[in-house]
PDB file of N, CA and C in Angstrom:
ATOM      1  N   MET A   1       0.830  -1.191   0.000  1.00  0.00           N
ATOM      2  CA  MET A   1       0.000   0.000   0.000  1.00  0.00           C
ATOM      3  C   MET A   1       0.869   1.248   0.000  1.00  0.00           C
ATOM      4  N   GLY A   2       2.110   1.150   0.452  1.00  0.00           N
ATOM      5  CA  GLY A   2       2.999   2.298   0.461  1.00  0.00           C
ATOM      6  C   GLY A   2       2.762   3.193   1.661  1.00  0.00           C
ATOM      7  N   GLU A   3       3.462   4.320   1.659  1.00  0.00           N
ATOM      8  CA  GLU A   3       3.366   5.297   2.742  1.00  0.00           C
ATOM      9  C   GLU A   3       2.047   6.049   2.671  1.00  0.00           C
ATOM     10  N   LEU A   4       1.361   6.133   3.781  1.00  0.00           N
ATOM     11  CA  LEU A   4       0.078   6.823   3.839  1.00  0.00           C
ATOM     12  C   LEU A   4       0.223   8.042   4.730  1.00  0.00           C
ATOM     13  N   ASN A   5      -0.134   9.215   4.226  1.00  0.00           N
ATOM     14  CA  ASN A   5      -0.029  10.450   4.972  1.00  0.00           C
ATOM     15  C   ASN A   5      -1.365  10.759   5.640  1.00  0.00           C
ATOM     16  N   LEU A   6      -1.486  10.457   6.926  1.00  0.00           N
ATOM     17  CA  LEU A   6      -2.720  10.738   7.645  1.00  0.00           C
ATOM     18  C   LEU A   6      -2.868  12.221   7.987  1.00  0.00           C
ATOM     19  N   GLY A   7      -1.825  13.006   7.737  1.00  0.00           N
ATOM     20  CA  GLY A   7      -1.918  14.446   7.962  1.00  0.00           C
ATOM     21  C   GLY A   7      -2.941  15.107   7.051  1.00  0.00           C
ATOM     22  N   LYS A   8      -3.279  14.449   5.961  1.00  0.00           N
ATOM     23  CA  LYS A   8      -4.275  14.981   5.028  1.00  0.00           C
ATOM     24  C   LYS A   8      -5.681  14.439   5.312  1.00  0.00           C
ATOM     25  N   ALA A   9      -5.790  13.592   6.327  1.00  0.00           N
ATOM     26  CA  ALA A   9      -7.081  12.996   6.653  1.00  0.00           C
ATOM     27  C   ALA A   9      -8.048  14.058   7.169  1.00  0.00           C
ATOM     28  N   GLU A  10      -9.274  13.989   6.698  1.00  0.00           N
ATOM     29  CA  GLU A  10     -10.351  14.848   7.192  1.00  0.00           C
ATOM     30  C   GLU A  10     -11.245  13.970   8.064  1.00  0.00           C
ATOM     31  N   TRP A  11     -11.012  14.032   9.367  1.00  0.00           N
ATOM     32  CA  TRP A  11     -11.683  13.162  10.321  1.00  0.00           C
ATOM     33  C   TRP A  11     -13.086  13.676  10.609  1.00  0.00           C
ATOM     34  N   ARG A  12     -14.020  12.727  10.738  1.00  0.00           N
ATOM     35  CA  ARG A  12     -15.400  13.084  11.099  1.00  0.00           C
ATOM     36  C   ARG A  12     -15.964  11.990  11.994  1.00  0.00           C
ATOM     37  N   LYS A  13     -16.987  12.356  12.741  1.00  0.00           N
ATOM     38  CA  LYS A  13     -17.665  11.389  13.600  1.00  0.00           C
ATOM     39  C   LYS A  13     -19.158  11.565  13.425  1.00  0.00           C
ATOM     40  N   ALA A  14     -19.922  10.627  13.918  1.00  0.00           N
ATOM     41  CA  ALA A  14     -21.373  10.703  13.811  1.00  0.00           C
ATOM     42  C   ALA A  14     -21.883  11.929  14.561  1.00  0.00           C
ATOM     43  N   THR A  15     -22.838  12.625  13.986  1.00  0.00           N
ATOM     44  CA  THR A  15     -23.386  13.808  14.637  1.00  0.00           C
ATOM     45  C   THR A  15     -24.089  13.455  15.940  1.00  0.00           C
ATOM     46  N   ALA A  16     -24.568  12.233  16.069  1.00  0.00           N
ATOM     47  CA  ALA A  16     -25.260  11.808  17.289  1.00  0.00           C
ATOM     48  C   ALA A  16     -24.302  11.449  18.416  1.00  0.00           C
ATOM     49  N   SER A  17     -23.012  11.471  18.166  1.00  0.00           N
ATOM     50  CA  SER A  17     -22.063  11.011  19.178  1.00  0.00           C
ATOM     51  C   SER A  17     -21.783  12.038  20.264  1.00  0.00           C
ATOM     52  N   GLY A  18     -22.132  13.293  20.072  1.00  0.00           N
ATOM     53  CA  GLY A  18     -21.916  14.313  21.100  1.00  0.00           C
ATOM     54  C   GLY A  18     -20.468  14.734  21.217  1.00  0.00           C
ATOM     55  N   ASP A  19     -20.158  15.420  22.312  1.00  0.00           N
ATOM     56  CA  ASP A  19     -18.813  15.969  22.521  1.00  0.00           C
ATOM     57  C   ASP A  19     -18.108  15.371  23.726  1.00  0.00           C
ATOM     58  N   ASN A  20     -18.412  14.132  24.062  1.00  0.00           N
ATOM     59  CA  ASN A  20     -17.797  13.533  25.245  1.00  0.00           C
ATOM     60  C   ASN A  20     -16.398  12.979  24.980  1.00  0.00           C
ATOM     61  N   GLY A  21     -15.918  13.026  23.745  1.00  0.00           N
ATOM     62  CA  GLY A  21     -14.564  12.587  23.424  1.00  0.00           C
ATOM     63  C   GLY A  21     -14.380  11.089  23.371  1.00  0.00           C
ATOM     64  N   GLN A  22     -15.449  10.336  23.356  1.00  0.00           N
ATOM     65  CA  GLN A  22     -15.345   8.879  23.309  1.00  0.00           C
ATOM     66  C   GLN A  22     -16.020   8.365  22.051  1.00  0.00           C
ATOM     67  N   CYS A  23     -15.431   8.696  20.916  1.00  0.00           N
ATOM     68  CA  CYS A  23     -16.052   8.386  19.627  1.00  0.00           C
ATOM     69  C   CYS A  23     -15.046   7.721  18.697  1.00  0.00           C
ATOM     70  N   VAL A  24     -15.583   7.127  17.684  1.00  0.00           N
ATOM     71  CA  VAL A  24     -14.772   6.635  16.582  1.00  0.00           C
ATOM     72  C   VAL A  24     -14.841   7.695  15.495  1.00  0.00           C
ATOM     73  N   GLU A  25     -13.694   8.051  14.953  1.00  0.00           N
ATOM     74  CA  GLU A  25     -13.631   9.015  13.859  1.00  0.00           C
ATOM     75  C   GLU A  25     -13.197   8.290  12.594  1.00  0.00           C
ATOM     76  N   VAL A  26     -13.736   8.746  11.473  1.00  0.00           N
ATOM     77  CA  VAL A  26     -13.470   8.106  10.187  1.00  0.00           C
ATOM     78  C   VAL A  26     -13.004   9.155   9.192  1.00  0.00           C
ATOM     79  N   ALA A  27     -12.016   8.815   8.392  1.00  0.00           N
ATOM     80  CA  ALA A  27     -11.556   9.669   7.292  1.00  0.00           C
ATOM     81  C   ALA A  27     -11.753   8.904   5.985  1.00  0.00           C
ATOM     82  N   THR A  28     -12.583   9.444   5.116  1.00  0.00           N
ATOM     83  CA  THR A  28     -12.864   8.791   3.839  1.00  0.00           C
ATOM     84  C   THR A  28     -12.290   9.559   2.655  1.00  0.00           C
ATOM     85  N   ASN A  29     -11.533  10.611   2.913  1.00  0.00           N
ATOM     86  CA  ASN A  29     -11.008  11.435   1.828  1.00  0.00           C
ATOM     87  C   ASN A  29      -9.633  10.996   1.323  1.00  0.00           C
ATOM     88  N   LEU A  30      -9.084   9.939   1.874  1.00  0.00           N
ATOM     89  CA  LEU A  30      -7.756   9.481   1.469  1.00  0.00           C
ATOM     90  C   LEU A  30      -7.856   8.570   0.247  1.00  0.00           C
ATOM     91  N   PRO A  31      -6.844   8.571  -0.605  1.00  0.00           N
ATOM     92  CA  PRO A  31      -6.910   7.757  -1.822  1.00  0.00           C
ATOM     93  C   PRO A  31      -6.957   6.262  -1.520  1.00  0.00           C
ATOM     94  N   ASN A  32      -8.016   5.604  -1.971  1.00  0.00           N
ATOM     95  CA  ASN A  32      -8.150   4.141  -1.948  1.00  0.00           C
ATOM     96  C   ASN A  32      -8.317   3.503  -0.577  1.00  0.00           C
ATOM     97  N   VAL A  33      -8.360   4.274   0.498  1.00  0.00           N
ATOM     98  CA  VAL A  33      -8.479   3.694   1.835  1.00  0.00           C
ATOM     99  C   VAL A  33      -9.464   4.489   2.686  1.00  0.00           C
ATOM    100  N   VAL A  34      -9.867   3.858   3.785  1.00  0.00           N
ATOM    101  CA  VAL A  34     -10.654   4.507   4.826  1.00  0.00           C
ATOM    102  C   VAL A  34      -9.869   4.329   6.126  1.00  0.00           C
ATOM    103  N   ALA A  35      -9.659   5.417   6.857  1.00  0.00           N
ATOM    104  CA  ALA A  35      -8.927   5.366   8.118  1.00  0.00           C
ATOM    105  C   ALA A  35      -9.911   5.540   9.273  1.00  0.00           C
ATOM    106  N   VAL A  36      -9.653   4.828  10.367  1.00  0.00           N
ATOM    107  CA  VAL A  36     -10.518   4.870  11.546  1.00  0.00           C
ATOM    108  C   VAL A  36      -9.623   5.056  12.767  1.00  0.00           C
ATOM    109  N   ARG A  37     -10.031   5.956  13.678  1.00  0.00           N
ATOM    110  CA  ARG A  37      -9.243   6.176  14.895  1.00  0.00           C
ATOM    111  C   ARG A  37     -10.162   6.429  16.086  1.00  0.00           C
ATOM    112  N   ASP A  38      -9.579   6.387  17.260  1.00  0.00           N
ATOM    113  CA  ASP A  38     -10.258   6.667  18.517  1.00  0.00           C
ATOM    114  C   ASP A  38     -10.118   8.159  18.800  1.00  0.00           C
ATOM    115  N   SER A  39     -11.227   8.854  18.999  1.00  0.00           N
ATOM    116  CA  SER A  39     -11.160  10.304  19.222  1.00  0.00           C
ATOM    117  C   SER A  39     -10.454  10.660  20.525  1.00  0.00           C
ATOM    118  N   LYS A  40     -10.374   9.733  21.473  1.00  0.00           N
ATOM    119  CA  LYS A  40      -9.661  10.002  22.720  1.00  0.00           C
ATOM    120  C   LYS A  40      -8.151  10.075  22.506  1.00  0.00           C
ATOM    121  N   ASN A  41      -7.682   9.524  21.395  1.00  0.00           N
ATOM    122  CA  ASN A  41      -6.251   9.476  21.117  1.00  0.00           C
ATOM    123  C   ASN A  41      -5.999   9.860  19.659  1.00  0.00           C
ATOM    124  N   PRO A  42      -6.233  11.127  19.305  1.00  0.00           N
ATOM    125  CA  PRO A  42      -6.129  11.524  17.895  1.00  0.00           C
ATOM    126  C   PRO A  42      -4.734  11.424  17.296  1.00  0.00           C
ATOM    127  N   THR A  43      -3.702  11.382  18.116  1.00  0.00           N
ATOM    128  CA  THR A  43      -2.344  11.221  17.579  1.00  0.00           C
ATOM    129  C   THR A  43      -1.878   9.771  17.638  1.00  0.00           C
ATOM    130  N   GLY A  44      -2.741   8.892  18.130  1.00  0.00           N
ATOM    131  CA  GLY A  44      -2.404   7.471  18.224  1.00  0.00           C
ATOM    132  C   GLY A  44      -2.592   6.768  16.900  1.00  0.00           C
ATOM    133  N   PRO A  45      -2.540   5.458  16.940  1.00  0.00           N
ATOM    134  CA  PRO A  45      -2.639   4.679  15.709  1.00  0.00           C
ATOM    135  C   PRO A  45      -4.034   4.751  15.091  1.00  0.00           C
ATOM    136  N   ALA A  46      -4.080   4.552  13.801  1.00  0.00           N
ATOM    137  CA  ALA A  46      -5.341   4.475  13.062  1.00  0.00           C
ATOM    138  C   ALA A  46      -5.412   3.119  12.377  1.00  0.00           C
ATOM    139  N   LEU A  47      -6.611   2.602  12.257  1.00  0.00           N
ATOM    140  CA  LEU A  47      -6.825   1.388  11.482  1.00  0.00           C
ATOM    141  C   LEU A  47      -7.076   1.788  10.042  1.00  0.00           C
ATOM    142  N   ILE A  48      -6.487   1.083   9.111  1.00  0.00           N
ATOM    143  CA  ILE A  48      -6.605   1.403   7.692  1.00  0.00           C
ATOM    144  C   ILE A  48      -7.294   0.245   6.980  1.00  0.00           C
ATOM    145  N   PHE A  49      -8.338   0.563   6.236  1.00  0.00           N
ATOM    146  CA  PHE A  49      -9.103  -0.435   5.495  1.00  0.00           C
ATOM    147  C   PHE A  49      -9.173  -0.045   4.025  1.00  0.00           C
ATOM    148  N   THR A  50      -9.243  -1.040   3.165  1.00  0.00           N
ATOM    149  CA  THR A  50      -9.531  -0.729   1.763  1.00  0.00           C
ATOM    150  C   THR A  50     -10.987  -0.279   1.692  1.00  0.00           C
ATOM    151  N   ARG A  51     -11.355   0.362   0.622  1.00  0.00           N
ATOM    152  CA  ARG A  51     -12.752   0.792   0.467  1.00  0.00           C
ATOM    153  C   ARG A  51     -13.693  -0.409   0.420  1.00  0.00           C
ATOM    154  N   ASP A  52     -13.256  -1.511  -0.190  1.00  0.00           N
ATOM    155  CA  ASP A  52     -14.083  -2.723  -0.228  1.00  0.00           C
ATOM    156  C   ASP A  52     -14.270  -3.311   1.167  1.00  0.00           C
ATOM    157  N   GLU A  53     -13.218  -3.340   1.968  1.00  0.00           N
ATOM    158  CA  GLU A  53     -13.338  -3.828   3.342  1.00  0.00           C
ATOM    159  C   GLU A  53     -14.303  -2.968   4.148  1.00  0.00           C
ATOM    160  N   TRP A  54     -14.198  -1.652   3.997  1.00  0.00           N
ATOM    161  CA  TRP A  54     -15.074  -0.736   4.725  1.00  0.00           C
ATOM    162  C   TRP A  54     -16.528  -0.916   4.284  1.00  0.00           C
ATOM    163  N   ALA A  55     -16.745  -1.057   2.992  1.00  0.00           N
ATOM    164  CA  ALA A  55     -18.104  -1.267   2.482  1.00  0.00           C
ATOM    165  C   ALA A  55     -18.682  -2.573   3.034  1.00  0.00           C
ATOM    166  N   ALA A  56     -17.868  -3.622   3.115  1.00  0.00           N
ATOM    167  CA  ALA A  56     -18.334  -4.893   3.662  1.00  0.00           C
ATOM    168  C   ALA A  56     -18.685  -4.749   5.139  1.00  0.00           C
ATOM    169  N   PHE A  57     -17.884  -4.007   5.886  1.00  0.00           N
ATOM    170  CA  PHE A  57     -18.184  -3.762   7.296  1.00  0.00           C
ATOM    171  C   PHE A  57     -19.502  -3.004   7.446  1.00  0.00           C
ATOM    172  N   LEU A  58     -19.672  -1.925   6.692  1.00  0.00           N
ATOM    173  CA  LEU A  58     -20.908  -1.137   6.779  1.00  0.00           C
ATOM    174  C   LEU A  58     -22.125  -1.980   6.410  1.00  0.00           C
ATOM    175  N   HIS A  59     -21.986  -2.805   5.389  1.00  0.00           N
ATOM    176  CA  HIS A  59     -23.086  -3.692   4.983  1.00  0.00           C
ATOM    177  C   HIS A  59     -23.434  -4.657   6.117  1.00  0.00           C
ATOM    178  N   GLY A  60     -22.422  -5.266   6.700  1.00  0.00           N
ATOM    179  CA  GLY A  60     -22.649  -6.187   7.797  1.00  0.00           C
ATOM    180  C   GLY A  60     -23.287  -5.518   9.002  1.00  0.00           C
ATOM    181  N   ALA A  61     -22.825  -4.310   9.336  1.00  0.00           N
ATOM    182  CA  ALA A  61     -23.409  -3.578  10.454  1.00  0.00           C
ATOM    183  C   ALA A  61     -24.870  -3.222  10.188  1.00  0.00           C
ATOM    184  N   ALA A  62     -25.160  -2.804   8.982  1.00  0.00           N
ATOM    185  CA  ALA A  62     -26.535  -2.418   8.626  1.00  0.00           C
ATOM    186  C   ALA A  62     -27.487  -3.608   8.595  1.00  0.00           C
ATOM    187  N   HIS A  63     -26.958  -4.800   8.388  1.00  0.00           N
ATOM    188  CA  HIS A  63     -27.789  -5.986   8.274  1.00  0.00           C
ATOM    189  C   HIS A  63     -27.705  -6.919   9.482  1.00  0.00           C
ATOM    190  N   GLY A  64     -27.232  -6.379  10.618  1.00  0.00           N
ATOM    191  CA  GLY A  64     -27.238  -7.139  11.869  1.00  0.00           C
ATOM    192  C   GLY A  64     -26.215  -8.238  11.984  1.00  0.00           C
ATOM    193  N   GLU A  65     -25.218  -8.242  11.134  1.00  0.00           N
ATOM    194  CA  GLU A  65     -24.211  -9.301  11.159  1.00  0.00           C
ATOM    195  C   GLU A  65     -23.419  -9.315  12.460  1.00  0.00           C
ATOM    196  N   PHE A  66     -23.314  -8.171  13.121  1.00  0.00           N
ATOM    197  CA  PHE A  66     -22.480  -8.068  14.319  1.00  0.00           C
ATOM    198  C   PHE A  66     -23.310  -7.940  15.589  1.00  0.00           C
ATOM    199  N   ASP A  67     -24.622  -8.071  15.505  1.00  0.00           N
ATOM    200  CA  ASP A  67     -25.467  -7.982  16.694  1.00  0.00           C
ATOM    201  C   ASP A  67     -25.166  -9.132  17.630  1.00  0.00           C
ATOM    202  N   ILE A  68     -25.175  -8.822  18.903  1.00  0.00           N
ATOM    203  CA  ILE A  68     -24.899  -9.846  19.915  1.00  0.00           C
ATOM    204  C   ILE A  68     -26.218 -10.317  20.510  1.00  0.00           C
TER     205      ILE A  68
END
């Protein structure tokens, strides 16, 4: 995948998450990938997914695949 510059990431979180600082943030503006991080640790590590992996996750979440 090569070197990925997260400095260009435009992080966003769900509007329903509020301002308590305990959110997952997502950056979808990076070429060919989606980055995910913990808002409590914005300078910490980010998880990187291909767009296909992210789409599969969203599909699974929307269809109850991960319900406990």
